[in-house]
Each structure stands twice: as C-alpha cells, then as structure tokens.
Amino acid sequence: MSKKKKPSKTREAYKFIEAHSNEFSVNNMCQVLGVARAGYYAWLTDPISDHAQEDARLLKLIRASFIASHGIYGAPRILHDLRERGETCSKHRVARLMLLERIAYTSVSE
C-alpha cells in the first residue's frame, strides 16, 4: 500500500476546472484560480507529469532489485544496481521512492 502524495494546487485547480467546465467558462476559471489556460488543456491530454511517470518506471526497477536481493538490499545497494543498468538517478530519489512505497531501506547518508 503506497502513501499517496497530495496533488499540487495547480493540479487541484485543473481538476476543479474540469469538474465545473459545464457551469463556467474555462477562461474565467483559469483567471480566478491563477492558472494558465494552456496548462489546463495540456493537463487534459496528459494528466500525469513526466516526473511521476519516471518515478513509476524507476519504482519497477527498484522493486525488481529488492526482490532479486530477497529483501536484503537497501537504498545504497539498489542505487548501485540501478547505476550498473545505466540508470541515472540520485540516492535520495531511490530512498524517497522506497520510503513512499514502504519498501525497507537503510540510511543513505554516506
């Protein structure tokens, strides 16, 4: 079970605009909520950010490495495995993803 991160205020505004687009004009709601109209329309076609998609892809690799180690590897060793595969990410990102998904990890303060 993952701990869900709260969506940004901009994404919440986009969801509000989508839900109320039959009642009010999109242009007016964007102005009132302080978001870009172009950003809203871009969000409609691709609501998941590139960073979130990359996190999901990395998480699959992290889980595979963790399972292959029989649940022994922590964030530093999993980072090493990812780098051996040619992935580029920071130790803090690996630790954050492991923490959010409640995958056991060890401290990365090396």
Protein backbone atom coordinates (compact mmCIF):
# COMPACT_ATOMS: atom_id res chain seq x y z
CA MET A 1 0.00 0.00 0.00
CA SER A 2 1.54 3.30 -1.04
CA LYS A 3 1.37 6.62 0.71
CA LYS A 4 -0.21 8.99 -1.81
CA LYS A 5 1.34 12.39 -2.22
CA LYS A 6 -1.09 15.31 -2.18
CA PRO A 7 -1.51 16.77 -5.68
CA SER A 8 -0.18 20.26 -6.28
CA LYS A 9 -2.51 23.24 -6.06
CA THR A 10 -2.28 23.66 -9.82
CA ARG A 11 -3.42 20.09 -10.44
CA GLU A 12 -6.24 20.55 -7.93
CA ALA A 13 -7.28 23.69 -9.82
CA TYR A 14 -7.25 21.75 -13.10
CA LYS A 15 -9.48 19.07 -11.57
CA PHE A 16 -11.86 21.75 -10.32
CA ILE A 17 -11.99 23.38 -13.74
CA GLU A 18 -12.67 20.04 -15.40
CA ALA A 19 -15.49 19.29 -12.95
CA HIS A 20 -17.14 22.70 -13.41
CA SER A 21 -16.48 23.34 -17.10
CA ASN A 22 -20.21 22.94 -17.84
CA GLU A 23 -21.12 25.71 -15.39
CA PHE A 24 -18.43 28.35 -16.00
CA SER A 25 -16.10 29.30 -18.81
CA VAL A 26 -12.67 27.70 -18.67
CA ASN A 27 -11.01 31.04 -19.37
CA ASN A 28 -12.70 32.74 -16.39
CA MET A 29 -11.96 29.87 -14.01
CA CYS A 30 -8.30 29.86 -15.05
CA GLN A 31 -8.06 33.59 -14.35
CA VAL A 32 -9.79 33.32 -10.97
CA LEU A 33 -7.72 30.32 -9.88
CA GLY A 34 -4.49 31.81 -11.20
CA VAL A 35 -3.53 29.01 -13.58
CA ALA A 36 -2.63 29.08 -17.26
CA ARG A 37 -5.36 28.09 -19.71
CA ALA A 38 -2.75 26.40 -21.93
CA GLY A 39 -1.55 24.43 -18.91
CA TYR A 40 -5.08 23.23 -18.24
CA TYR A 41 -5.51 21.99 -21.80
CA ALA A 42 -2.10 20.29 -21.69
CA TRP A 43 -3.12 18.61 -18.42
CA LEU A 44 -6.30 17.30 -20.09
CA THR A 45 -4.29 15.42 -22.69
CA ASP A 46 -1.58 14.18 -20.27
CA PRO A 47 -2.62 14.47 -16.59
CA ILE A 48 0.38 12.55 -15.23
CA SER A 49 3.61 14.56 -15.13
CA ASP A 50 6.79 13.31 -16.77
CA HIS A 51 8.46 13.18 -13.36
CA ALA A 52 5.68 10.98 -11.95
CA GLN A 53 5.92 8.66 -14.96
CA GLU A 54 9.69 8.40 -14.48
CA ASP A 55 9.19 7.70 -10.76
CA ALA A 56 6.80 4.85 -11.65
CA ARG A 57 9.33 3.38 -14.10
CA LEU A 58 12.16 3.64 -11.55
CA LEU A 59 9.96 2.10 -8.88
CA LYS A 60 9.51 -1.02 -11.01
CA LEU A 61 13.29 -1.34 -11.28
CA ILE A 62 13.71 -0.71 -7.55
CA ARG A 63 11.17 -3.42 -6.70
CA ALA A 64 12.86 -5.87 -9.08
CA SER A 65 16.24 -5.24 -7.46
CA PHE A 66 14.77 -5.51 -3.96
CA ILE A 67 13.04 -8.80 -4.79
CA ALA A 68 16.16 -10.18 -6.50
CA SER A 69 18.09 -9.47 -3.28
CA HIS A 70 15.46 -11.40 -1.29
CA GLY A 71 14.54 -8.18 0.53
CA ILE A 72 18.04 -7.56 1.83
CA TYR A 73 19.28 -4.61 -0.24
CA GLY A 74 18.72 -1.08 0.97
CA ALA A 75 18.70 2.15 -0.98
CA PRO A 76 22.50 2.44 -1.41
CA ARG A 77 22.87 -1.04 -2.88
CA ILE A 78 19.76 -0.70 -5.04
CA LEU A 79 21.14 2.60 -6.35
CA HIS A 80 24.34 0.73 -7.23
CA ASP A 81 22.29 -1.89 -9.11
CA LEU A 82 20.39 0.81 -10.99
CA ARG A 83 23.60 2.54 -11.99
CA GLU A 84 25.03 -0.76 -13.21
CA ARG A 85 21.98 -0.94 -15.51
CA GLY A 86 22.78 2.52 -16.84
CA GLU A 87 20.10 4.42 -14.94
CA THR A 88 20.84 7.93 -13.75
CA CYS A 89 19.15 8.98 -10.53
CA SER A 90 20.18 10.18 -7.10
CA LYS A 91 20.42 8.18 -3.91
CA HIS A 92 17.84 10.50 -2.38
CA ARG A 93 15.32 9.74 -5.13
CA VAL A 94 15.76 5.99 -4.62
CA ALA A 95 15.36 6.39 -0.85
CA ARG A 96 12.29 8.62 -1.29
CA LEU A 97 10.60 6.14 -3.62
CA MET A 98 11.40 3.24 -1.31
CA LEU A 99 10.04 5.18 1.66
CA LEU A 100 6.84 6.24 -0.13
CA GLU A 101 6.18 2.67 -1.24
CA ARG A 102 7.16 1.29 2.17
CA ILE A 103 9.95 -0.81 0.78
CA ALA A 104 12.51 -1.39 3.55
CA TYR A 105 15.67 0.65 3.11
CA THR A 106 18.74 1.70 5.02
CA SER A 107 20.10 5.17 5.57
CA VAL A 108 21.72 6.88 2.58
CA SER A 109 23.77 9.44 4.49
CA GLU A 110 27.17 8.33 3.26
